[in-house]
Amino acid sequence: MNANVVYLIVVVILTWIYFQTRGLKSNEGEYFVLNKSEGVLGLSLSFYASGMGLWILTSPAEVAWYGLGYDIYGYAISSATPFILIYIFGPRIADLLPKGATLAQFVERKYGSIAQKIVSMVAVIYMGAFLIAEFASIGFVFESISSVRGVLISLLIAMTTLAYLFRHGFKASYFTDKLQSYGIILLLIIVFTIWLNQNSLSELLTFANAGGLNSFQTFSLKSALAVIIAVTAAEVFSMGYWQRTFSAENSKTIKQASIFSGIGAFLTILLLGIGGAVGAGKGLESPALSFIEQLDLNNFTIILLVSLATLLVTSSIDTLENAIASTISLDILKKKSEEAKLITLLIVCVALVISIEVTSIFNVFLVADLFATSLVFPAFYRIKKTSKDLLLIVPFVGSLICTFLYRFQYIDLQANPGGVFIPTDLYGLADLNTFAIALFSSVIITLVTDKVIK
């Protein structure tokens, strides 16, 4: 398909989304969070859309291409486990902080300002990594199905989302989530229908099994457990989820929306992971594109994929941009939205530049996941009890030191593709030992520190 036609499709969708937000009326307070007004359906759709970025077309397939059965199921489970934590902790934190907007505000109340800054910085690092991965996915996906330049698509999406977010903030992000989620669900159904029509079910199962779907080995189990630990920990620090949690009508709404969103996320990632295994079984050479490259790219399929990809990336990028702005404004600068807008613009520009050089989207996530894994236990430890900053700082720093010492001492740095700082195993997958050391050393140091500072 002609590149200009693809650009036109993207521009039409982005223009439609932008004009849908123009009628919104919002105030300064709604730039960061809504006022306990959102019901189960809206919250479920928003949770789902904000988490389902363009990465779902590449990352599950990449994991499946490199991994085996445990990796595929583990990655799908990991997409749902953050909603389990929101189900457990979300209502309690929302009750403790009825006017909150971010998790870091809760940490400030529990530990103090230094701990809040640490959580905020980890959150910004993770969300920044997510943003880089989304922009990188644009290059992988759009350039694989047409002759467009991914960086130009990225610029169009970044400018459009910033334009409506700078006007209406979180209210616009939440509003567009609902529109995008319906579009994402519909287009995914059509994509899977086309995929199934191009292959018989028996053929898909044969190729999937050849790609490792029915192979369950120890190294694959370790990798899957590592991903579950890593993604669960990291997603808890995605402040977009907490903005939505604090906007819910009540605790029951949070719990029900968490269940529906978790099921939706699990099924979506599982199916796309199986698609990646089929691609591996067929011998496709591009891990990240091992699902997309199976589709016959006629004009209808290209229009469909371009539309789906645009909705996916817009839904996640506007969530990340506003969540980063909220974290910087409320938790780091302690100022209103204007200063945060400028810094968010800078972060988006940096993410765009870095994304051009990214070759593995999975590795981008792993680095941020490691920081979050070292932080998650002390952040939620004895949730209703206030304590000193040290009870979060010491376990976080100590856990990272333990983790990097382990990798420096026991990892074959010449054979391991991740080296000291990217927590991969010999196969390029998430390394269970690294993440287990990060988590359990954090737990032990937290418990010891709690005894010492009493």
Protein backbone atom coordinates (compact mmCIF):
# COMPACT_ATOMS: atom_id res chain seq x y z
CA MET A 1 0.00 0.00 0.00
CA ASN A 2 1.17 3.51 -0.82
CA ALA A 3 2.84 5.20 2.15
CA ASN A 4 0.74 8.34 1.71
CA VAL A 5 -2.44 6.31 2.15
CA VAL A 6 -1.10 4.89 5.43
CA TYR A 7 -0.19 8.37 6.65
CA LEU A 8 -3.70 9.51 5.72
CA ILE A 9 -5.32 6.68 7.71
CA VAL A 10 -3.23 7.54 10.76
CA VAL A 11 -4.01 11.26 10.45
CA VAL A 12 -7.75 10.60 10.08
CA ILE A 13 -7.84 8.41 13.20
CA LEU A 14 -5.77 10.85 15.25
CA THR A 15 -7.88 13.79 14.07
CA TRP A 16 -11.06 11.93 15.02
CA ILE A 17 -9.68 11.18 18.50
CA TYR A 18 -8.57 14.79 18.98
CA PHE A 19 -11.93 16.27 17.98
CA GLN A 20 -13.74 13.81 20.27
CA THR A 21 -11.94 15.47 23.19
CA ARG A 22 -12.61 19.08 22.20
CA GLY A 23 -16.03 19.15 23.84
CA LEU A 24 -14.68 18.07 27.22
CA LYS A 25 -14.84 20.51 30.10
CA SER A 26 -12.16 20.09 32.73
CA ASN A 27 -10.56 21.99 35.57
CA GLU A 28 -7.08 22.00 37.11
CA GLY A 29 -7.98 19.18 39.51
CA GLU A 30 -9.11 16.90 36.69
CA TYR A 31 -5.75 17.23 34.98
CA PHE A 32 -4.50 14.47 37.30
CA VAL A 33 -7.52 12.48 38.53
CA LEU A 34 -11.33 12.39 38.40
CA ASN A 35 -13.47 12.86 41.48
CA LYS A 36 -14.67 9.38 42.53
CA SER A 37 -17.07 9.32 39.60
CA GLU A 38 -16.22 6.30 37.46
CA GLY A 39 -18.20 3.07 37.30
CA VAL A 40 -17.28 -0.53 36.54
CA LEU A 41 -17.66 -0.47 32.75
CA GLY A 42 -15.72 2.75 32.21
CA LEU A 43 -12.97 1.74 34.64
CA SER A 44 -12.66 -1.75 33.11
CA LEU A 45 -12.34 -0.34 29.61
CA SER A 46 -9.85 2.29 30.78
CA PHE A 47 -7.71 -0.24 32.67
CA TYR A 48 -7.67 -2.49 29.60
CA ALA A 49 -6.99 0.18 26.98
CA SER A 50 -4.28 1.94 28.98
CA GLY A 51 -2.39 -1.34 29.40
CA MET A 52 -2.85 -2.71 25.88
CA GLY A 53 -0.27 -0.73 23.91
CA LEU A 54 1.32 -1.45 20.55
CA TRP A 55 3.78 -3.68 22.39
CA ILE A 56 1.13 -6.43 22.44
CA LEU A 57 1.67 -6.97 18.70
CA THR A 58 5.41 -7.49 19.17
CA SER A 59 6.48 -8.38 22.70
CA PRO A 60 4.32 -11.53 23.31
CA ALA A 61 5.40 -12.82 19.90
CA GLU A 62 9.05 -12.09 20.70
CA VAL A 63 8.81 -13.94 24.02
CA ALA A 64 7.10 -16.90 22.32
CA TRP A 65 9.67 -16.98 19.50
CA TYR A 66 12.57 -17.24 21.96
CA GLY A 67 10.78 -19.21 24.65
CA LEU A 68 8.62 -22.29 25.18
CA GLY A 69 5.25 -23.11 26.70
CA TYR A 70 5.95 -21.80 30.19
CA ASP A 71 7.14 -18.48 28.74
CA ILE A 72 3.97 -18.02 26.70
CA TYR A 73 1.61 -18.80 29.58
CA GLY A 74 3.78 -16.94 32.07
CA TYR A 75 3.76 -13.76 29.99
CA ALA A 76 -0.03 -13.94 29.72
CA ILE A 77 -0.34 -14.43 33.47
CA SER A 78 2.02 -11.52 34.10
CA SER A 79 -0.30 -9.21 32.15
CA ALA A 80 -3.10 -10.01 34.62
CA THR A 81 -1.25 -10.17 37.96
CA PRO A 82 -0.94 -6.36 38.34
CA PHE A 83 -4.73 -6.26 38.43
CA ILE A 84 -4.65 -8.81 41.25
CA LEU A 85 -2.51 -6.41 43.28
CA ILE A 86 -4.84 -3.53 42.42
CA TYR A 87 -7.75 -5.74 43.52
CA ILE A 88 -6.03 -6.35 46.87
CA PHE A 89 -4.37 -3.01 47.59
CA GLY A 90 -6.30 -0.55 45.42
CA PRO A 91 -9.40 -0.16 47.61
CA ARG A 92 -7.33 0.07 50.79
CA ILE A 93 -5.00 2.74 49.42
CA ALA A 94 -7.90 4.68 47.88
CA ASP A 95 -9.62 4.70 51.29
CA LEU A 96 -6.45 5.80 53.09
CA LEU A 97 -5.87 8.60 50.57
CA PRO A 98 -9.32 9.70 49.33
CA LYS A 99 -7.94 12.72 47.44
CA GLY A 100 -4.92 10.92 45.99
CA ALA A 101 -3.82 10.66 42.38
CA THR A 102 -0.57 8.62 42.46
CA LEU A 103 0.92 5.74 44.42
CA ALA A 104 3.85 7.97 45.41
CA GLN A 105 1.48 10.20 47.39
CA PHE A 106 0.58 7.17 49.49
CA VAL A 107 4.28 6.39 49.94
CA GLU A 108 4.89 9.96 51.12
CA ARG A 109 2.19 9.59 53.75
CA LYS A 110 3.58 6.23 54.85
CA TYR A 111 7.34 6.92 54.73
CA GLY A 112 8.07 10.56 53.93
CA SER A 113 9.26 12.76 51.09
CA ILE A 114 12.58 11.02 50.31
CA ALA A 115 10.87 7.66 49.86
CA GLN A 116 8.25 9.37 47.74
CA LYS A 117 10.94 10.78 45.45
CA ILE A 118 12.50 7.32 45.02
CA VAL A 119 9.17 5.73 44.11
CA SER A 120 8.43 8.62 41.77
CA MET A 121 11.79 8.28 40.01
CA VAL A 122 11.38 4.51 39.59
CA ALA A 123 7.88 5.12 38.23
CA VAL A 124 9.15 7.71 35.75
CA ILE A 125 11.99 5.37 34.68
CA TYR A 126 9.52 2.51 34.14
CA MET A 127 6.96 4.65 32.34
CA GLY A 128 9.76 6.20 30.28
CA ALA A 129 10.95 2.72 29.31
CA PHE A 130 7.38 1.82 28.41
CA LEU A 131 7.18 4.98 26.29
CA ILE A 132 10.44 4.08 24.50
CA ALA A 133 9.11 0.57 23.86
CA GLU A 134 5.89 1.96 22.39
CA PHE A 135 7.73 4.33 20.04
CA ALA A 136 10.11 1.52 19.07
CA SER A 137 7.14 -0.75 18.35
CA ILE A 138 5.83 1.86 15.92
CA GLY A 139 9.00 1.42 13.90
CA PHE A 140 8.77 -2.37 13.99
CA VAL A 141 5.07 -2.63 13.18
CA PHE A 142 4.33 0.20 10.77
CA GLU A 143 7.50 -0.28 8.73
CA SER A 144 6.80 -4.02 8.45
CA ILE A 145 3.41 -3.52 6.81
CA SER A 146 4.09 -0.47 4.64
CA SER A 147 6.87 1.80 3.38
CA VAL A 148 6.21 4.56 5.92
CA ARG A 149 8.85 5.92 8.29
CA GLY A 150 8.10 4.88 11.85
CA VAL A 151 9.62 8.03 13.32
CA LEU A 152 7.12 10.21 11.41
CA ILE A 153 4.20 8.13 12.73
CA SER A 154 5.66 8.48 16.22
CA LEU A 155 5.84 12.26 15.85
CA LEU A 156 2.23 12.46 14.66
CA ILE A 157 0.98 10.38 17.59
CA ALA A 158 3.13 12.19 20.15
CA MET A 159 1.99 15.63 18.97
CA THR A 160 -1.69 14.68 18.84
CA THR A 161 -1.79 13.07 22.27
CA LEU A 162 0.15 15.92 23.86
CA ALA A 163 -2.22 18.41 22.22
CA TYR A 164 -5.38 17.02 23.81
CA LEU A 165 -3.68 16.11 27.09
CA PHE A 166 -2.29 19.62 27.54
CA ARG A 167 -5.86 20.91 27.20
CA HIS A 168 -7.75 18.42 29.36
CA GLY A 169 -5.21 16.16 31.09
CA PHE A 170 -6.34 12.90 32.64
CA LYS A 171 -9.98 13.51 31.75
CA ALA A 172 -9.06 13.36 28.06
CA SER A 173 -6.95 10.23 28.54
CA TYR A 174 -9.76 8.48 30.40
CA PHE A 175 -12.34 9.55 27.83
CA THR A 176 -10.26 8.34 24.88
CA ASP A 177 -9.55 5.05 26.67
CA LYS A 178 -13.20 4.10 26.36
CA LEU A 179 -13.30 4.92 22.65
CA GLN A 180 -10.01 3.16 21.98
CA SER A 181 -10.89 0.04 23.96
CA TYR A 182 -14.00 -0.63 21.86
CA GLY A 183 -11.94 -0.14 18.70
CA ILE A 184 -9.09 -2.33 19.98
CA ILE A 185 -11.42 -5.19 20.94
CA LEU A 186 -13.28 -5.05 17.61
CA LEU A 187 -10.12 -4.88 15.50
CA LEU A 188 -8.43 -7.68 17.46
CA ILE A 189 -11.44 -9.90 16.83
CA ILE A 190 -11.20 -9.15 13.09
CA VAL A 191 -7.42 -9.76 13.05
CA PHE A 192 -7.77 -13.11 14.81
CA THR A 193 -10.63 -14.06 12.48
CA ILE A 194 -8.47 -13.33 9.42
CA TRP A 195 -5.57 -15.26 10.95
CA LEU A 196 -7.78 -18.27 11.65
CA ASN A 197 -9.27 -18.16 8.15
CA GLN A 198 -5.80 -18.23 6.59
CA ASN A 199 -4.89 -21.42 8.46
CA SER A 200 -6.83 -24.39 9.72
CA LEU A 201 -6.91 -24.89 13.47
CA SER A 202 -4.96 -28.13 13.15
CA GLU A 203 -2.25 -26.36 11.12
CA LEU A 204 -1.99 -23.61 13.73
CA LEU A 205 -1.64 -26.16 16.53
CA THR A 206 1.00 -28.07 14.57
CA PHE A 207 3.06 -24.94 13.94
CA ALA A 208 2.53 -23.67 17.51
CA ASN A 209 3.76 -26.96 18.95
CA ALA A 210 6.72 -26.89 16.56
CA GLY A 211 7.41 -23.39 17.89
CA GLY A 212 7.50 -24.67 21.47
CA LEU A 213 3.94 -24.20 22.77
CA ASN A 214 3.72 -27.75 24.12
CA SER A 215 7.34 -27.89 25.27
CA PHE A 216 7.83 -27.38 29.00
CA GLN A 217 11.41 -27.34 30.21
CA THR A 218 13.05 -26.08 33.38
CA PHE A 219 14.78 -23.09 31.82
CA SER A 220 11.42 -22.00 30.35
CA LEU A 221 9.71 -22.29 33.75
CA LYS A 222 12.43 -20.18 35.35
CA SER A 223 12.06 -17.53 32.69
CA ALA A 224 8.27 -17.50 33.05
CA LEU A 225 8.46 -17.09 36.82
CA ALA A 226 10.97 -14.28 36.36
CA VAL A 227 8.64 -12.47 33.97
CA ILE A 228 5.68 -12.84 36.35
CA ILE A 229 7.71 -11.37 39.21
CA ALA A 230 9.17 -8.60 37.06
CA VAL A 231 6.05 -7.46 35.23
CA THR A 232 3.83 -7.64 38.31
CA ALA A 233 6.25 -5.48 40.28
CA ALA A 234 6.77 -2.97 37.48
CA GLU A 235 3.14 -2.53 36.47
CA VAL A 236 2.23 -1.59 40.03
CA PHE A 237 4.38 1.52 39.53
CA SER A 238 2.56 2.50 36.34
CA MET A 239 0.84 5.57 37.74
CA GLY A 240 -1.82 5.49 35.05
CA TYR A 241 -3.44 2.55 36.84
CA TRP A 242 -3.45 4.47 40.12
CA GLN A 243 -5.00 7.56 38.55
CA ARG A 244 -7.83 5.32 37.42
CA THR A 245 -8.03 3.56 40.78
CA PHE A 246 -8.37 6.86 42.63
CA SER A 247 -11.09 7.92 40.16
CA ALA A 248 -13.34 4.92 40.89
CA GLU A 249 -16.68 5.38 42.62
CA ASN A 250 -15.92 2.94 45.43
CA SER A 251 -13.99 -0.16 46.45
CA LYS A 252 -16.45 -2.54 44.78
CA THR A 253 -15.92 -0.77 41.46
CA ILE A 254 -12.13 -1.14 41.75
CA LYS A 255 -12.38 -4.86 42.49
CA GLN A 256 -14.85 -5.67 39.71
CA ALA A 257 -12.96 -3.62 37.13
CA SER A 258 -9.70 -5.32 38.15
CA ILE A 259 -11.24 -8.74 37.51
CA PHE A 260 -12.65 -7.87 34.09
CA SER A 261 -9.47 -6.09 32.98
CA GLY A 262 -7.25 -8.90 34.20
CA ILE A 263 -9.22 -11.52 32.29
CA GLY A 264 -9.18 -9.40 29.14
CA ALA A 265 -5.44 -8.77 29.38
CA PHE A 266 -4.68 -12.46 30.00
CA LEU A 267 -6.68 -13.70 27.01
CA THR A 268 -5.27 -11.04 24.68
CA ILE A 269 -1.62 -11.72 25.53
CA LEU A 270 -2.12 -15.49 25.52
CA LEU A 271 -3.58 -15.50 22.01
CA LEU A 272 -0.86 -13.20 20.67
CA GLY A 273 1.79 -15.33 22.36
CA ILE A 274 0.38 -18.44 20.70
CA GLY A 275 0.51 -16.50 17.44
CA GLY A 276 4.21 -15.87 18.03
CA ALA A 277 4.77 -19.59 18.63
CA VAL A 278 3.06 -20.33 15.32
CA GLY A 279 5.42 -17.86 13.63
CA ALA A 280 8.41 -19.57 15.21
CA GLY A 281 7.10 -22.94 14.03
CA LYS A 282 6.78 -21.58 10.51
CA GLY A 283 10.40 -20.45 10.59
CA LEU A 284 9.79 -16.70 10.46
CA GLU A 285 13.07 -14.97 11.25
CA SER A 286 11.89 -11.76 12.95
CA PRO A 287 10.97 -12.51 16.60
CA ALA A 288 9.03 -9.28 17.23
CA LEU A 289 7.06 -9.65 13.98
CA SER A 290 6.49 -13.40 14.11
CA PHE A 291 2.72 -12.92 14.44
CA ILE A 292 2.18 -9.97 12.09
CA GLU A 293 4.22 -11.47 9.24
CA GLN A 294 1.82 -14.43 9.07
CA LEU A 295 -1.02 -12.21 7.84
CA ASP A 296 -1.51 -11.82 4.09
CA LEU A 297 -0.91 -8.11 3.63
CA ASN A 298 -3.62 -7.13 1.15
CA ASN A 299 -5.04 -3.62 1.25
CA PHE A 300 -7.84 -4.54 3.65
CA THR A 301 -5.46 -6.23 6.10
CA ILE A 302 -3.05 -3.30 5.99
CA ILE A 303 -5.85 -0.80 6.69
CA LEU A 304 -7.01 -3.01 9.55
CA LEU A 305 -3.54 -3.35 11.06
CA VAL A 306 -2.76 0.35 10.68
CA SER A 307 -6.03 1.26 12.39
CA LEU A 308 -5.47 -1.24 15.20
CA ALA A 309 -1.86 -0.18 15.69
CA THR A 310 -2.82 3.50 15.81
CA LEU A 311 -5.51 2.91 18.43
CA LEU A 312 -3.22 0.68 20.49
CA VAL A 313 -0.29 3.05 20.57
CA THR A 314 -2.43 6.14 21.14
CA SER A 315 -4.23 4.57 24.09
CA SER A 316 -1.01 3.65 25.88
CA ILE A 317 1.02 6.74 24.98
CA ASP A 318 -1.58 9.22 26.22
CA THR A 319 -1.82 7.24 29.46
CA LEU A 320 1.96 7.31 29.90
CA GLU A 321 2.31 10.98 29.01
CA ASN A 322 -0.33 12.09 31.51
CA ALA A 323 0.90 9.68 34.19
CA ILE A 324 4.45 10.99 33.79
CA ALA A 325 3.16 14.56 33.98
CA SER A 326 1.19 13.75 37.14
CA THR A 327 4.13 12.05 38.81
CA ILE A 328 6.53 14.87 38.00
CA SER A 329 4.08 17.58 38.99
CA LEU A 330 2.54 16.11 42.14
CA ASP A 331 5.41 14.01 43.50
CA ILE A 332 8.70 15.51 42.31
CA LEU A 333 8.22 19.22 41.62
CA LYS A 334 5.21 19.70 43.91
CA LYS A 335 3.80 22.15 41.40
CA LYS A 336 0.81 22.43 39.11
CA SER A 337 0.48 21.19 35.58
CA GLU A 338 2.31 23.87 33.58
CA GLU A 339 5.85 22.94 34.69
CA ALA A 340 5.10 19.25 34.31
CA LYS A 341 3.94 19.77 30.73
CA LEU A 342 7.34 21.11 29.69
CA ILE A 343 9.24 18.28 31.37
CA THR A 344 6.88 15.71 29.91
CA LEU A 345 7.50 17.19 26.47
CA LEU A 346 11.25 16.80 27.06
CA ILE A 347 10.84 13.17 28.19
CA VAL A 348 8.75 12.39 25.11
CA CYS A 349 11.42 13.90 22.84
CA VAL A 350 14.18 11.88 24.55
CA ALA A 351 12.07 8.71 24.32
CA LEU A 352 11.57 9.30 20.60
CA VAL A 353 15.32 9.65 20.01
CA ILE A 354 16.22 6.57 22.07
CA SER A 355 13.50 4.46 20.44
CA ILE A 356 15.22 4.82 17.06
CA GLU A 357 18.17 2.76 18.37
CA VAL A 358 16.16 0.08 20.20
CA THR A 359 16.62 -3.44 18.84
CA SER A 360 14.92 -5.47 21.61
CA ILE A 361 11.72 -4.17 23.17
CA PHE A 362 11.79 -6.95 25.76
CA ASN A 363 15.16 -5.77 27.14
CA VAL A 364 13.84 -2.23 27.54
CA PHE A 365 11.22 -3.53 29.94
CA LEU A 366 13.60 -5.81 31.84
CA VAL A 367 15.83 -3.02 33.13
CA ALA A 368 12.91 -1.02 34.51
CA ASP A 369 11.34 -4.21 35.88
CA LEU A 370 14.43 -4.93 37.97
CA PHE A 371 14.24 -1.57 39.76
CA ALA A 372 10.55 -2.10 40.45
CA THR A 373 11.12 -5.61 41.81
CA SER A 374 13.57 -4.23 44.37
CA LEU A 375 11.03 -1.62 45.45
CA VAL A 376 7.65 -3.33 45.46
CA PHE A 377 7.81 -5.11 48.84
CA PRO A 378 8.92 -2.17 51.00
CA ALA A 379 6.42 0.09 49.21
CA PHE A 380 3.50 -2.10 50.29
CA TYR A 381 4.93 -3.44 53.56
CA ARG A 382 2.47 -3.03 56.46
CA ILE A 383 0.30 -0.80 54.38
CA LYS A 384 -1.50 1.06 57.18
CA LYS A 385 1.57 1.73 59.30
CA THR A 386 3.67 4.88 58.90
CA SER A 387 7.44 4.58 59.21
CA LYS A 388 10.74 6.29 58.39
CA ASP A 389 12.19 6.82 54.92
CA LEU A 390 14.97 4.36 55.71
CA LEU A 391 12.52 1.46 55.71
CA LEU A 392 12.10 1.95 51.97
CA ILE A 393 15.50 3.37 51.00
CA VAL A 394 17.71 0.73 52.63
CA PRO A 395 15.89 -2.31 51.15
CA PHE A 396 15.72 -0.72 47.70
CA VAL A 397 19.40 0.21 47.50
CA GLY A 398 20.54 -2.93 49.30
CA SER A 399 18.53 -5.16 46.99
CA LEU A 400 20.03 -3.57 43.87
CA ILE A 401 23.54 -3.95 45.28
CA CYS A 402 22.89 -7.64 46.03
CA THR A 403 21.49 -8.17 42.55
CA PHE A 404 24.35 -6.56 40.65
CA LEU A 405 26.95 -8.28 42.86
CA TYR A 406 25.31 -11.60 42.06
CA ARG A 407 25.40 -10.98 38.32
CA PHE A 408 28.97 -9.69 38.42
CA GLN A 409 30.15 -12.68 40.45
CA TYR A 410 28.13 -15.59 39.06
CA ILE A 411 26.98 -14.68 35.53
CA ASP A 412 29.18 -15.55 32.56
CA LEU A 413 29.35 -12.02 31.20
CA GLN A 414 30.79 -13.13 27.87
CA ALA A 415 28.06 -15.71 27.22
CA ASN A 416 25.10 -13.89 28.78
CA PRO A 417 23.61 -11.34 26.33
CA GLY A 418 22.46 -9.03 29.13
CA GLY A 419 25.77 -8.57 30.91
CA VAL A 420 25.66 -7.10 34.42
CA PHE A 421 22.80 -4.65 34.04
CA ILE A 422 20.19 -6.34 31.81
CA PRO A 423 18.71 -9.26 33.80
CA THR A 424 18.66 -11.93 31.10
CA ASP A 425 19.65 -15.58 31.17
CA LEU A 426 21.82 -17.38 28.60
CA TYR A 427 18.84 -17.61 26.25
CA GLY A 428 18.11 -13.88 26.30
CA LEU A 429 15.01 -14.40 28.46
CA ALA A 430 14.28 -12.99 31.92
CA ASP A 431 16.63 -14.53 34.49
CA LEU A 432 14.75 -15.99 37.46
CA ASN A 433 17.77 -15.98 39.78
CA THR A 434 18.33 -12.26 39.25
CA PHE A 435 14.72 -11.29 39.90
CA ALA A 436 14.39 -13.73 42.80
CA ILE A 437 17.48 -12.23 44.47
CA ALA A 438 16.09 -8.73 43.89
CA LEU A 439 12.74 -9.62 45.45
CA PHE A 440 13.85 -11.80 48.36
CA SER A 441 16.82 -9.64 49.33
CA SER A 442 14.40 -6.71 49.39
CA VAL A 443 12.04 -8.68 51.66
CA ILE A 444 14.81 -9.74 54.05
CA ILE A 445 16.40 -6.30 54.24
CA THR A 446 12.98 -4.71 54.82
CA LEU A 447 12.21 -7.04 57.73
CA VAL A 448 15.66 -6.55 59.28
CA THR A 449 15.55 -2.78 58.83
CA ASP A 450 12.08 -2.66 60.39
CA LYS A 451 13.45 -4.40 63.51
CA VAL A 452 16.51 -2.14 63.70
CA ILE A 453 14.77 1.22 63.40
CA LYS A 454 11.97 0.46 65.89
